[in-house]
Amino acid sequence: MKKLLLGNAAVARGAYEAGVNVVASYPGTPSTEITEEIVKFEEIYAEWSPNEKVAAEVAIGASIAGGRAMSCMKHVGLNVMADPVFTVSYTGVNGGLVFCVADDPGMHSSQNEQDSRHYAKASKITMLEPSDSKECRDFTRLAFDLSEKFDTPVFIRLSTRVSHSQSLVELEERKLVPVKDYEKNIGKYVMMPANAIKRHVTVEERINALREFAEVSDLNTVENNGSKIGVITSGITYMYAKEALEDKVDYLKLGMVYPLPEKKIVDFAKNYDKVFVIEELDPVIEDHAKALGVEVIGKEVFTLLGEYTPAMIKKAVLSASAPETITVNENIPVRPPVMCAGCPHRGTFYVLKKLGLVVSGDIGCYTLGATMPLQSVDTTICMGASVSAAHGMAKARGKEFNKKLVSVIGDSTFMHSGITGLVDIVYNKGANTVIILDNSITGMTGHQDNPTTGYTIRGEETKQVNLITLCKAVGVERVVVADPFDVKHFEEVVKAEVEADEPSVIIAQRPCALLKSVKYTGVCQINDKCRNCKMCMKLGCPAITLRDGKVVIDPTQCNGCGLCVNVCPFSAIEKNDERR
C-alpha cells in the first residue's frame, strides 16, 4: 500500500518497519513530528526526554541492551547530545542505533544554520541523507541494518524541506527483530582511557570499511543523460536540481554523505567539461572533491547562506534565468512574528519593559519578547543560557547590576538545561533573579508534554516536577509564584526580587492560551471612557489595532484573556462574555 507521508512521518514509518524498540527525543523543529508519529505505534517505547543528551543516552542504553533504538533532534540539539554521541562511536552498538538530525537552512525556527555533516566527520559516524519521503523510509530501514553490520551508530540527516514535504511511500509490515542477547563486555562498553585507545583502532578500521562500502553502495548513484555537465549533489538539493536542470545534466546523487566515496567521484568527474557541486550550507562535498584533485564549481557560484531554489541553480549551472517567485501586484501588509492573543508571556514582558530591566532571554515562544513593541529581551544564545549568561553579566559588572537584570526561561527549557545554571548561581554566591515562564507545556514546538506537566508523551499520568520544591532544593530560598496577567502585583513582585541580595526565582504561572484546557470566554471591548492614550497598544496584542487613529479591538482575534483590561489606566476596556 502507498501513502502520502511527510518526510518525518516516513522516518517514523521506516523505524517502525525496521523493528525499532526504543525512541527517545527532545522536541525541536523541524524534527519534532518524527517522535510524535512514533507514538502512534504501540509496539515502540517512546519518550520525551528532558533534553537531547539524556535522549541520546537512553537510546544508547537501549542499543547496548540489545534493542534497536533511535533518537531524534534538530541540529542545535545535536550540540547538546554531542558528548555521548562521540563516545558511542567508540563503543559501537549491540542493537541498531540511529540518530536522526534535522538541519534548518534558512533558520525558519533556529538561531543558526549549522551543518550537521561536520558532526559525522568529527565523530566518525556514517551519515545518510534522504531527498524525499520515500528515501526517508528506505534509508531509515537501511540505517538500522548498517548499524548492526558495521557495529556503528548511524546518522540520518534531514532538512526542513525534506522533513516537512510530502511524497508517496510504499508501506510494509513491521520486521520482527528479536532483542539481541546482552553480554558483559568491559573492553567494548567501558570507555576508560586504556579501553578507548583500543576502540579507536576499531573506529578507524570501521571507517575504512565504510569507505569501501560507499564506492559500491546503491545509496550513491549515477544518472547518465548524455550531458557534458556533471552535477554532484545530495538530499533536498538533488530535488531542486532535478526540477531546475531536468535531464540537461548528469547526476552523481550521494545518499551516503559520510564517509564520501573517492573513486566514484573521481571517475564521475572525468566524463565532463564542467562539474558542479550543489549543496546547501557548507562546502562539505566540494572540499572533499577538491582534496581528491577534482576540479569542481561550488560556492563560487552558490551561496553559503540559507536555502537554495531551482531558479538559483538554473542560473548558476545553465546561465538561464527563471523567476525566483511569482509576484502579486498588491500591497500586502507586513505580518511580523508575534505572540498569540492571550499569550501568558505578554504580561511578563510588558512589566519588564516598563521597569527598564536588562533581560537575559532563552529559546522558546518568549524570544518574541525581543520584537516590537515589547522589545524587552537583550540576549538569546541557546537553551538554558538565560540563567548562566545573566550570572556572568552580574559577575562582570558587579552585584549592583543584579538590580537591573533578570533571566527569563520557559518551564520546559528550565528542565532542559536551566537547572544547572541556577545551581551555579547559588553555589557561586550570585544574587540573580530568574523568571520561569510556566505556561504548563512545551509551547514553541507544538504543545509537547515535559516533566513539569505531569503527563508522558502518550498522555499517561506521571509524577510532576514541582518547580517550587526543585528551586528550593538547589538552595534558592526566595521562590514566588505570580500571575503575569495580574500586572500590578507582578510588577511589585519583580521589583522586590531584583532588589534582594540573594538568588530568587519568580514562577510566572499562567497556561498557554492555545491549550484545550484553557477556556477564556467572550471578548474585550473599548467603552466610552477611552482617552486614546494607547497604553494597551504597548502590549503588542494582535487583537488590538489602530483604525482611523483610534484604538479598536478586533473581536475575531480577541480570545477574552483580559490582560488589556488590567493594563488600561482609565477602565476603558471591559470584558463582554457574549461574543460578538
Protein backbone atom coordinates (compact mmCIF):
# COMPACT_ATOMS: atom_id res chain seq x y z
CA MET A 1 0.00 0.00 0.00
CA LYS A 2 1.22 3.50 -0.84
CA LYS A 3 0.57 6.54 1.33
CA LEU A 4 1.40 10.24 1.13
CA LEU A 5 3.69 10.98 4.09
CA LEU A 6 5.70 13.85 5.48
CA GLY A 7 9.41 13.13 5.48
CA ASN A 8 9.34 12.99 9.28
CA ALA A 9 6.41 10.57 9.25
CA ALA A 10 8.27 8.44 6.71
CA VAL A 11 11.30 8.24 9.02
CA ALA A 12 8.97 7.09 11.79
CA ARG A 13 7.44 4.51 9.46
CA GLY A 14 10.89 3.27 8.45
CA ALA A 15 11.89 2.88 12.09
CA TYR A 16 8.67 1.01 12.84
CA GLU A 17 9.17 -1.35 9.89
CA ALA A 18 12.82 -1.87 10.92
CA GLY A 19 11.66 -3.20 14.29
CA VAL A 20 12.82 -0.33 16.50
CA ASN A 21 12.18 -0.91 20.21
CA VAL A 22 13.01 2.39 21.91
CA VAL A 23 12.81 6.02 20.73
CA ALA A 24 13.87 8.90 22.99
CA SER A 25 13.92 12.51 21.80
CA TYR A 26 13.50 16.14 22.76
CA PRO A 27 11.17 18.21 20.55
CA GLY A 28 12.81 20.63 18.14
CA THR A 29 11.60 21.93 14.80
CA PRO A 30 11.98 20.54 12.15
CA SER A 31 12.42 17.11 13.74
CA THR A 32 9.51 17.01 16.22
CA GLU A 33 6.99 15.08 14.15
CA ILE A 34 9.24 12.01 13.88
CA THR A 35 8.72 11.13 17.52
CA GLU A 36 5.11 12.29 17.51
CA GLU A 37 4.46 9.83 14.68
CA ILE A 38 6.36 7.08 16.51
CA VAL A 39 3.88 7.36 19.40
CA LYS A 40 1.15 6.01 17.10
CA PHE A 41 2.90 2.63 17.06
CA GLU A 42 2.10 0.88 20.34
CA GLU A 43 4.87 -1.69 19.81
CA ILE A 44 7.52 1.02 20.36
CA TYR A 45 8.50 2.57 23.68
CA ALA A 46 8.73 6.34 23.12
CA GLU A 47 9.52 9.26 25.40
CA TRP A 48 10.17 12.97 25.51
CA SER A 49 13.41 13.19 27.48
CA PRO A 50 14.33 16.33 29.47
CA ASN A 51 16.98 17.19 26.87
CA GLU A 52 18.81 15.73 23.88
CA LYS A 53 21.79 14.46 25.89
CA VAL A 54 19.51 12.38 28.07
CA ALA A 55 17.60 11.21 24.98
CA ALA A 56 20.81 10.03 23.32
CA GLU A 57 21.90 8.21 26.45
CA VAL A 58 18.54 6.44 26.73
CA ALA A 59 18.84 5.29 23.12
CA ILE A 60 22.45 4.22 23.63
CA GLY A 61 21.49 2.21 26.69
CA ALA A 62 18.69 0.50 24.79
CA SER A 63 21.13 -0.38 22.00
CA ILE A 64 23.72 -1.81 24.37
CA ALA A 65 20.98 -3.90 25.98
CA GLY A 66 20.22 -5.39 22.54
CA GLY A 67 17.23 -3.38 21.29
CA ARG A 68 17.03 -1.30 18.16
CA ALA A 69 16.93 2.34 19.25
CA MET A 70 16.62 5.82 17.81
CA SER A 71 16.90 9.41 19.00
CA CYS A 72 15.71 12.44 17.03
CA MET A 73 16.67 16.10 17.34
CA LYS A 74 17.19 19.33 15.44
CA HIS A 75 20.68 20.45 14.52
CA VAL A 76 21.33 22.52 17.65
CA GLY A 77 20.06 19.60 19.72
CA LEU A 78 22.96 17.60 18.30
CA ASN A 79 25.27 20.05 20.08
CA VAL A 80 23.63 19.12 23.37
CA MET A 81 23.97 15.38 22.78
CA ALA A 82 27.47 15.51 21.29
CA ASP A 83 29.23 14.13 24.37
CA PRO A 84 27.60 10.68 24.42
CA VAL A 85 27.43 10.58 20.61
CA PHE A 86 31.20 10.91 20.21
CA THR A 87 31.79 8.19 22.77
CA VAL A 88 29.25 5.72 21.33
CA SER A 89 31.19 6.00 18.09
CA TYR A 90 33.98 4.26 20.01
CA THR A 91 31.86 1.70 21.83
CA GLY A 92 29.81 0.72 18.82
CA VAL A 93 26.40 -0.89 19.24
CA ASN A 94 24.60 -4.10 20.04
CA GLY A 95 21.13 -3.42 18.69
CA GLY A 96 20.98 -0.99 15.77
CA LEU A 97 21.30 2.67 16.80
CA VAL A 98 20.16 5.61 14.66
CA PHE A 99 20.34 9.37 15.31
CA CYS A 100 18.01 11.49 13.16
CA VAL A 101 19.18 15.10 12.96
CA ALA A 102 17.17 17.75 11.11
CA ASP A 103 19.06 20.82 9.89
CA ASP A 104 17.31 24.14 9.30
CA PRO A 105 18.77 26.01 6.29
CA GLY A 106 17.15 29.42 6.20
CA MET A 107 16.72 29.41 10.00
CA HIS A 108 12.94 29.12 9.88
CA SER A 109 12.91 28.27 13.59
CA SER A 110 16.53 28.26 14.71
CA GLN A 111 19.31 30.51 15.93
CA ASN A 112 21.91 29.31 13.41
CA GLU A 113 22.37 27.38 10.14
CA GLN A 114 24.67 24.70 11.46
CA ASP A 115 25.64 21.93 9.02
CA SER A 116 25.43 18.57 10.83
CA ARG A 117 27.60 16.80 8.28
CA HIS A 118 30.58 18.16 10.20
CA TYR A 119 29.48 16.12 13.20
CA ALA A 120 29.52 12.94 11.13
CA LYS A 121 33.10 13.55 10.12
CA ALA A 122 34.22 14.69 13.56
CA SER A 123 32.61 11.76 15.38
CA LYS A 124 33.47 9.27 12.60
CA ILE A 125 29.88 8.09 12.36
CA THR A 126 28.41 7.29 8.97
CA MET A 127 25.63 9.60 7.72
CA LEU A 128 22.83 9.03 5.21
CA GLU A 129 20.86 11.86 3.62
CA PRO A 130 17.46 11.18 2.01
CA SER A 131 15.98 13.55 -0.56
CA ASP A 132 12.26 12.75 -0.25
CA SER A 133 9.78 10.83 1.90
CA LYS A 134 10.33 7.54 0.07
CA GLU A 135 14.04 7.70 0.81
CA CYS A 136 13.32 8.78 4.40
CA ARG A 137 11.54 5.48 4.93
CA ASP A 138 14.04 3.43 2.91
CA PHE A 139 17.17 4.99 4.39
CA THR A 140 15.88 4.62 7.95
CA ARG A 141 15.29 0.91 7.45
CA LEU A 142 18.73 0.57 5.89
CA ALA A 143 20.36 2.60 8.68
CA PHE A 144 19.47 0.00 11.30
CA ASP A 145 20.90 -2.79 9.15
CA LEU A 146 24.11 -0.82 8.51
CA SER A 147 24.39 -0.03 12.21
CA GLU A 148 24.42 -3.70 13.15
CA LYS A 149 26.52 -4.79 10.17
CA PHE A 150 29.31 -2.28 10.83
CA ASP A 151 28.90 -2.05 14.63
CA THR A 152 28.28 1.70 14.47
CA PRO A 153 25.63 4.27 15.20
CA VAL A 154 24.25 5.86 12.01
CA PHE A 155 23.16 9.44 11.39
CA ILE A 156 20.22 10.28 9.16
CA ARG A 157 20.45 13.91 8.09
CA LEU A 158 17.22 15.66 7.22
CA SER A 159 16.49 19.29 6.42
CA THR A 160 13.39 21.44 6.85
CA ARG A 161 12.15 20.85 3.30
CA VAL A 162 12.65 17.09 3.45
CA SER A 163 11.13 16.83 6.93
CA HIS A 164 8.07 18.90 6.07
CA SER A 165 7.34 17.96 2.45
CA GLN A 166 5.22 15.00 1.36
CA SER A 167 5.64 12.27 -1.22
CA LEU A 168 4.39 8.74 -1.78
CA VAL A 169 5.79 5.96 0.39
CA GLU A 170 5.32 2.21 -0.02
CA LEU A 171 4.28 0.77 3.34
CA GLU A 172 5.38 -2.67 4.50
CA GLU A 173 4.81 -4.77 7.58
CA ARG A 174 6.95 -4.43 10.70
CA LYS A 175 10.06 -6.56 10.70
CA LEU A 176 10.22 -8.79 13.75
CA VAL A 177 13.73 -8.24 15.10
CA PRO A 178 14.40 -10.06 18.37
CA VAL A 179 16.25 -8.15 21.07
CA LYS A 180 19.86 -9.30 20.93
CA ASP A 181 21.47 -11.06 23.86
CA TYR A 182 23.32 -8.80 26.26
CA GLU A 183 26.80 -9.86 27.24
CA LYS A 184 29.07 -8.06 29.69
CA ASN A 185 31.95 -6.58 27.67
CA ILE A 186 34.09 -4.16 29.65
CA GLY A 187 36.57 -3.63 26.85
CA LYS A 188 33.83 -2.54 24.45
CA TYR A 189 31.48 -0.50 26.62
CA VAL A 190 33.60 0.97 29.44
CA MET A 191 35.38 3.95 27.87
CA MET A 192 38.23 4.49 30.30
CA PRO A 193 41.43 5.55 28.51
CA ALA A 194 43.01 2.10 28.27
CA ASN A 195 39.93 0.68 26.57
CA ALA A 196 39.19 3.76 24.46
CA ILE A 197 42.68 3.66 22.94
CA LYS A 198 41.98 0.17 21.64
CA ARG A 199 38.48 1.07 20.46
CA HIS A 200 39.88 3.99 18.43
CA VAL A 201 41.70 1.44 16.31
CA THR A 202 38.36 -0.27 15.68
CA VAL A 203 36.77 3.05 14.70
CA GLU A 204 39.42 3.72 12.04
CA GLU A 205 39.09 0.19 10.66
CA ARG A 206 35.32 0.63 10.53
CA ILE A 207 35.57 3.93 8.63
CA ASN A 208 37.86 2.31 6.07
CA ALA A 209 35.32 -0.48 5.60
CA LEU A 210 32.54 2.09 5.19
CA ARG A 211 34.60 3.99 2.60
CA GLU A 212 34.78 0.81 0.56
CA PHE A 213 31.04 0.34 1.04
CA ALA A 214 30.42 3.90 -0.20
CA GLU A 215 32.07 3.02 -3.53
CA VAL A 216 29.67 0.16 -4.29
CA SER A 217 26.51 1.08 -2.40
CA ASP A 218 23.29 1.86 -4.25
CA LEU A 219 22.99 4.84 -1.93
CA ASN A 220 25.37 6.65 -4.28
CA THR A 221 24.08 6.53 -7.84
CA VAL A 222 24.92 8.00 -11.24
CA GLU A 223 22.18 9.24 -13.58
CA ASN A 224 23.51 9.45 -17.12
CA ASN A 225 21.65 11.74 -19.51
CA GLY A 226 24.43 12.10 -22.08
CA SER A 227 25.40 15.62 -20.98
CA LYS A 228 28.82 17.20 -20.78
CA ILE A 229 27.87 18.86 -17.49
CA GLY A 230 28.02 16.84 -14.30
CA VAL A 231 26.32 17.64 -11.01
CA ILE A 232 27.28 16.13 -7.65
CA THR A 233 24.59 16.64 -5.04
CA SER A 234 22.60 15.12 -2.18
CA GLY A 235 19.44 15.50 -0.15
CA ILE A 236 16.97 18.26 -0.95
CA THR A 237 19.35 20.00 -3.36
CA TYR A 238 19.08 16.94 -5.60
CA MET A 239 15.34 17.58 -5.84
CA TYR A 240 15.92 21.27 -6.56
CA ALA A 241 18.49 20.41 -9.22
CA LYS A 242 16.18 17.88 -10.90
CA GLU A 243 13.44 20.49 -11.06
CA ALA A 244 15.77 23.19 -12.41
CA LEU A 245 18.02 21.18 -14.73
CA GLU A 246 15.90 18.13 -15.62
CA ASP A 247 17.87 15.86 -17.99
CA LYS A 248 20.20 18.60 -19.25
CA VAL A 249 22.95 17.39 -16.90
CA ASP A 250 24.22 14.10 -15.48
CA TYR A 251 23.96 13.48 -11.75
CA LEU A 252 26.00 11.79 -9.08
CA LYS A 253 23.45 11.60 -6.26
CA LEU A 254 25.05 10.91 -2.90
CA GLY A 255 22.76 9.25 -0.38
CA MET A 256 25.70 8.49 1.91
CA VAL A 257 27.35 11.78 2.81
CA TYR A 258 29.89 10.38 5.26
CA PRO A 259 32.18 8.76 4.52
CA LEU A 260 32.05 10.05 0.95
CA PRO A 261 33.22 7.85 -1.91
CA GLU A 262 36.53 8.73 -3.54
CA LYS A 263 36.96 6.63 -6.68
CA LYS A 264 33.31 7.10 -7.61
CA ILE A 265 33.63 10.88 -7.53
CA VAL A 266 36.91 10.89 -9.45
CA ASP A 267 35.56 8.51 -12.13
CA PHE A 268 32.34 10.52 -12.47
CA ALA A 269 34.14 13.85 -12.88
CA LYS A 270 36.41 12.55 -15.68
CA ASN A 271 33.50 12.48 -18.11
CA TYR A 272 32.51 16.15 -18.03
CA ASP A 273 33.64 19.56 -19.20
CA LYS A 274 32.20 21.08 -16.03
CA VAL A 275 31.29 19.55 -12.70
CA PHE A 276 29.09 21.44 -10.24
CA VAL A 277 28.69 20.56 -6.58
CA ILE A 278 25.28 21.66 -5.33
CA GLU A 279 24.85 21.50 -1.54
CA GLU A 280 23.18 23.80 0.96
CA LEU A 281 25.20 25.37 3.77
CA ASP A 282 28.88 24.37 3.94
CA PRO A 283 31.12 23.05 1.11
CA VAL A 284 31.49 19.57 2.58
CA ILE A 285 31.23 17.59 -0.69
CA GLU A 286 33.05 20.35 -2.58
CA ASP A 287 36.04 20.31 -0.23
CA HIS A 288 36.16 16.52 -0.40
CA ALA A 289 36.19 16.57 -4.21
CA LYS A 290 38.89 19.23 -4.34
CA ALA A 291 41.01 17.26 -1.87
CA LEU A 292 40.83 14.39 -4.37
CA GLY A 293 42.18 16.71 -7.09
CA VAL A 294 38.82 17.02 -8.84
CA GLU A 295 38.04 20.42 -10.35
CA VAL A 296 34.53 21.36 -9.33
CA ILE A 297 32.46 24.52 -9.30
CA GLY A 298 30.76 25.13 -6.00
CA LYS A 299 30.49 28.00 -3.59
CA GLU A 300 31.98 30.48 -6.06
CA VAL A 301 28.58 30.41 -7.77
CA PHE A 302 26.38 29.15 -4.90
CA THR A 303 25.81 30.88 -1.61
CA LEU A 304 26.83 29.68 1.84
CA LEU A 305 23.65 31.25 3.20
CA GLY A 306 20.15 29.91 3.50
CA GLU A 307 18.14 27.66 1.23
CA TYR A 308 18.60 27.17 -2.50
CA THR A 309 15.92 27.45 -5.16
CA PRO A 310 15.54 25.84 -8.59
CA ALA A 311 15.85 29.29 -10.14
CA MET A 312 19.18 29.89 -8.40
CA ILE A 313 20.50 26.53 -9.59
CA LYS A 314 19.29 27.01 -13.15
CA LYS A 315 21.00 30.38 -13.40
CA ALA A 316 24.30 29.12 -11.95
CA VAL A 317 24.56 25.92 -13.99
CA LEU A 318 22.85 26.74 -17.31
CA SER A 319 23.14 30.56 -17.25
CA ALA A 320 19.39 30.56 -17.80
CA SER A 321 17.06 32.87 -15.97
CA ALA A 322 13.90 31.81 -14.22
CA PRO A 323 11.58 33.77 -11.98
CA GLU A 324 12.51 33.37 -8.34
CA THR A 325 8.96 33.98 -7.22
CA ILE A 326 5.55 34.73 -8.60
CA THR A 327 4.70 38.28 -7.62
CA VAL A 328 1.28 39.74 -6.92
CA ASN A 329 0.79 43.39 -7.71
CA GLU A 330 -0.99 44.16 -4.47
CA ASN A 331 0.11 45.93 -1.33
CA ILE A 332 0.28 43.07 1.15
CA PRO A 333 0.57 44.14 4.80
CA VAL A 334 3.67 43.09 6.68
CA ARG A 335 2.98 40.33 9.17
CA PRO A 336 5.86 40.11 11.65
CA PRO A 337 6.01 37.22 14.12
CA VAL A 338 4.08 37.98 17.27
CA MET A 339 2.99 36.23 20.45
CA CYS A 340 -0.55 34.86 20.17
CA ALA A 341 -3.52 36.70 21.57
CA GLY A 342 -3.79 35.65 25.19
CA CYS A 343 -0.15 34.56 25.43
CA PRO A 344 0.80 34.42 29.13
CA HIS A 345 4.28 35.79 28.38
CA ARG A 346 2.90 39.13 27.19
CA GLY A 347 2.20 40.33 30.72
CA THR A 348 5.71 39.42 31.85
CA PHE A 349 7.44 41.32 29.08
CA TYR A 350 5.13 44.30 29.44
CA VAL A 351 6.26 44.64 33.07
CA LEU A 352 9.94 44.07 32.27
CA LYS A 353 9.81 46.73 29.54
CA LYS A 354 8.06 49.15 31.88
CA LEU A 355 10.73 48.63 34.55
CA GLY A 356 13.56 49.04 32.02
CA LEU A 357 15.35 45.87 33.09
CA VAL A 358 18.08 44.04 31.21
CA VAL A 359 16.56 40.70 30.18
CA SER A 360 18.71 37.64 29.55
CA GLY A 361 16.49 35.58 27.26
CA ASP A 362 16.23 31.98 26.16
CA ILE A 363 14.87 29.69 23.43
CA GLY A 364 11.09 29.45 23.11
CA CYS A 365 8.00 31.44 22.15
CA TYR A 366 9.14 34.09 24.58
CA THR A 367 12.06 35.00 22.31
CA LEU A 368 9.37 37.13 20.65
CA GLY A 369 9.71 39.39 23.68
CA ALA A 370 12.54 40.97 21.67
CA THR A 371 10.18 42.21 18.95
CA MET A 372 8.22 45.45 18.84
CA PRO A 373 6.55 46.89 20.78
CA LEU A 374 7.74 44.92 23.85
CA GLN A 375 11.44 44.86 22.90
CA SER A 376 12.39 43.54 26.33
CA VAL A 377 14.84 40.73 25.58
CA ASP A 378 18.52 41.72 25.42
CA THR A 379 20.15 38.35 24.63
CA THR A 380 19.21 34.92 23.29
CA ILE A 381 22.01 32.39 22.92
CA CYS A 382 20.92 28.79 23.41
CA MET A 383 18.80 26.56 25.62
CA GLY A 384 19.42 27.41 29.27
CA ALA A 385 21.84 30.27 28.58
CA SER A 386 19.49 32.89 30.01
CA VAL A 387 20.36 31.75 33.54
CA SER A 388 24.09 31.17 33.12
CA ALA A 389 24.71 34.25 30.96
CA ALA A 390 22.97 36.53 33.45
CA HIS A 391 25.23 35.13 36.18
CA GLY A 392 28.22 36.04 34.01
CA MET A 393 26.83 39.52 33.34
CA ALA A 394 26.50 40.22 37.04
CA LYS A 395 29.96 38.88 37.82
CA ALA A 396 31.44 41.14 35.12
CA ARG A 397 29.61 44.32 36.15
CA GLY A 398 29.26 43.90 39.90
CA LYS A 399 26.46 42.84 42.21
CA GLU A 400 24.52 46.09 41.85
CA PHE A 401 23.88 45.13 38.21
CA ASN A 402 21.60 42.36 39.53
CA LYS A 403 19.10 45.02 40.50
CA LYS A 404 18.71 45.84 36.80
CA LEU A 405 18.82 42.28 35.48
CA VAL A 406 16.54 39.24 35.17
CA SER A 407 16.63 35.93 33.32
CA VAL A 408 13.54 34.57 31.57
CA ILE A 409 13.23 30.87 30.75
CA GLY A 410 10.30 28.57 29.96
CA ASP A 411 9.34 25.64 32.14
CA SER A 412 10.42 23.07 29.52
CA THR A 413 13.66 24.91 28.79
CA PHE A 414 14.37 25.17 32.52
CA MET A 415 14.06 21.39 32.77
CA HIS A 416 16.20 21.00 29.63
CA SER A 417 19.23 22.97 30.77
CA GLY A 418 18.31 25.77 33.15
CA ILE A 419 18.62 23.88 36.42
CA THR A 420 22.42 23.64 36.33
CA GLY A 421 22.68 27.38 35.68
CA LEU A 422 20.56 28.04 38.75
CA VAL A 423 22.78 25.71 40.78
CA ASP A 424 25.77 27.72 39.53
CA ILE A 425 24.24 30.99 40.75
CA VAL A 426 23.57 29.57 44.21
CA TYR A 427 26.88 27.73 44.53
CA ASN A 428 28.98 30.70 43.38
CA LYS A 429 27.18 33.26 45.56
CA GLY A 430 25.26 35.05 42.84
CA ALA A 431 22.16 37.12 43.51
CA ASN A 432 20.34 36.83 40.20
CA THR A 433 16.59 36.83 39.67
CA VAL A 434 15.30 34.08 37.39
CA ILE A 435 11.77 34.22 36.00
CA ILE A 436 10.46 30.80 34.98
CA LEU A 437 7.70 31.32 32.42
CA ASP A 438 5.49 28.42 33.42
CA ASN A 439 2.91 28.07 30.64
CA SER A 440 2.25 24.39 31.51
CA ILE A 441 3.52 22.98 28.20
CA THR A 442 6.38 22.96 25.68
CA GLY A 443 4.81 25.65 23.53
CA MET A 444 7.10 26.58 20.66
CA THR A 445 7.28 23.13 19.10
CA GLY A 446 3.58 22.37 19.28
CA HIS A 447 2.43 21.50 22.81
CA GLN A 448 4.54 18.56 23.87
CA ASP A 449 4.42 17.45 27.50
CA ASN A 450 7.50 17.76 29.68
CA PRO A 451 8.46 16.80 33.26
CA THR A 452 6.56 19.79 34.70
CA THR A 453 3.19 18.88 33.12
CA GLY A 454 2.59 15.55 34.83
CA TYR A 455 1.95 13.63 31.61
CA THR A 456 4.09 11.44 29.33
CA ILE A 457 4.32 11.61 25.56
CA ARG A 458 1.33 9.24 25.39
CA GLY A 459 -0.73 11.36 27.76
CA GLU A 460 -0.32 8.98 30.68
CA GLU A 461 -0.29 10.50 34.16
CA THR A 462 3.13 10.54 35.82
CA LYS A 463 4.99 12.32 38.58
CA GLN A 464 5.01 16.08 38.07
CA VAL A 465 8.14 18.06 38.87
CA ASN A 466 7.34 20.72 41.48
CA LEU A 467 9.27 23.82 40.41
CA ILE A 468 8.98 25.42 43.84
CA THR A 469 10.44 22.39 45.60
CA LEU A 470 13.11 21.98 42.94
CA CYS A 471 14.32 25.58 43.22
CA LYS A 472 14.40 25.41 47.00
CA ALA A 473 16.25 22.08 46.85
CA VAL A 474 19.17 23.68 44.98
CA GLY A 475 19.38 26.44 47.59
CA VAL A 476 17.08 29.23 46.41
CA GLU A 477 15.18 30.47 49.46
CA ARG A 478 13.17 33.19 47.71
CA VAL A 479 10.66 31.49 45.37
CA VAL A 480 7.50 33.40 44.45
CA VAL A 481 4.59 32.28 42.25
CA ALA A 482 2.80 35.13 40.48
CA ASP A 483 0.27 35.57 37.68
CA PRO A 484 1.77 37.79 34.94
CA PHE A 485 -1.73 38.96 33.99
CA ASP A 486 -2.14 40.49 37.43
CA VAL A 487 0.09 43.25 36.15
CA LYS A 488 0.17 45.45 39.27
CA HIS A 489 1.06 42.60 41.61
CA PHE A 490 3.53 41.07 39.17
CA GLU A 491 5.34 44.40 38.90
CA GLU A 492 5.59 44.60 42.68
CA VAL A 493 7.00 41.07 42.82
CA VAL A 494 9.66 41.78 40.20
CA LYS A 495 10.71 45.00 41.93
CA ALA A 496 11.06 43.22 45.26
CA GLU A 497 13.02 40.26 43.90
CA VAL A 498 15.58 42.21 41.88
CA GLU A 499 16.33 44.26 44.99
CA ALA A 500 17.15 41.14 47.01
CA ASP A 501 20.80 40.43 47.75
CA GLU A 502 20.38 36.70 47.21
CA PRO A 503 19.20 34.38 44.42
CA SER A 504 15.48 34.49 43.73
CA VAL A 505 13.04 32.73 41.41
CA ILE A 506 9.73 34.09 40.18
CA ILE A 507 7.44 31.46 38.68
CA ALA A 508 5.25 33.38 36.22
CA GLN A 509 2.40 30.91 36.17
CA ARG A 510 -0.35 31.04 33.55
CA PRO A 511 -1.09 28.37 30.92
CA CYS A 512 -0.65 28.79 27.18
CA ALA A 513 -3.82 30.29 25.71
CA LEU A 514 -3.88 27.65 22.98
CA LEU A 515 -4.19 24.69 25.34
CA LYS A 516 -7.50 22.89 25.08
CA SER A 517 -7.89 23.15 28.84
CA VAL A 518 -7.80 26.96 28.72
CA LYS A 519 -11.35 28.27 28.40
CA TYR A 520 -11.27 32.04 28.03
CA THR A 521 -14.71 33.37 27.22
CA GLY A 522 -16.15 36.37 25.47
CA VAL A 523 -14.20 39.31 24.07
CA CYS A 524 -12.80 42.56 25.36
CA GLN A 525 -14.20 45.83 24.06
CA ILE A 526 -13.48 49.52 24.42
CA ASN A 527 -16.08 51.74 26.10
CA ASP A 528 -16.62 55.49 26.06
CA LYS A 529 -14.07 56.10 28.82
CA CYS A 530 -11.20 55.63 26.33
CA ARG A 531 -8.86 58.63 26.18
CA ASN A 532 -6.84 57.12 23.32
CA CYS A 533 -3.68 57.02 25.47
CA LYS A 534 -2.62 53.90 23.58
CA MET A 535 -1.27 52.23 26.72
CA CYS A 536 -2.92 48.99 25.57
CA MET A 537 -1.02 49.18 22.28
CA LYS A 538 2.20 48.64 24.23
CA LEU A 539 1.14 45.06 24.84
CA GLY A 540 1.63 44.10 21.21
CA CYS A 541 -1.56 42.03 21.23
CA PRO A 542 -2.60 41.17 17.64
CA ALA A 543 -6.24 41.83 18.55
CA ILE A 544 -5.57 45.50 19.46
CA THR A 545 -5.07 47.81 16.50
CA LEU A 546 -5.44 51.42 15.38
CA ARG A 547 -8.22 52.37 12.99
CA ASP A 548 -8.56 55.98 11.87
CA GLY A 549 -6.34 56.99 14.77
CA LYS A 550 -8.50 55.25 17.35
CA VAL A 551 -7.72 52.07 19.30
CA VAL A 552 -10.02 49.18 18.44
CA ILE A 553 -10.18 45.54 19.49
CA ASP A 554 -10.82 43.01 16.74
CA PRO A 555 -13.41 40.55 18.12
CA THR A 556 -12.27 37.88 15.66
CA GLN A 557 -8.74 37.98 17.17
CA CYS A 558 -9.57 38.58 20.84
CA ASN A 559 -9.96 35.48 22.99
CA GLY A 560 -11.06 37.31 26.12
CA CYS A 561 -7.88 36.79 28.16
CA GLY A 562 -8.40 40.17 29.85
CA LEU A 563 -4.78 41.36 30.04
CA CYS A 564 -5.66 44.65 28.37
CA VAL A 565 -8.39 45.21 30.98
CA ASN A 566 -5.71 45.06 33.68
CA VAL A 567 -3.40 47.44 31.82
CA CYS A 568 -5.86 50.23 30.91
CA PRO A 569 -5.46 53.11 33.42
CA PHE A 570 -8.93 54.52 32.75
CA SER A 571 -11.08 51.36 32.95
CA ALA A 572 -11.87 51.93 29.29
CA ILE A 573 -11.67 48.23 28.37
CA GLU A 574 -14.23 45.81 29.68
CA LYS A 575 -14.91 42.11 29.24
CA ASN A 576 -18.06 41.12 27.40
CA ASP A 577 -18.78 37.43 27.88
CA GLU A 578 -21.12 37.48 24.90
CA ARG A 579 -19.02 37.03 21.75
CA ARG A 580 -19.89 39.46 19.01
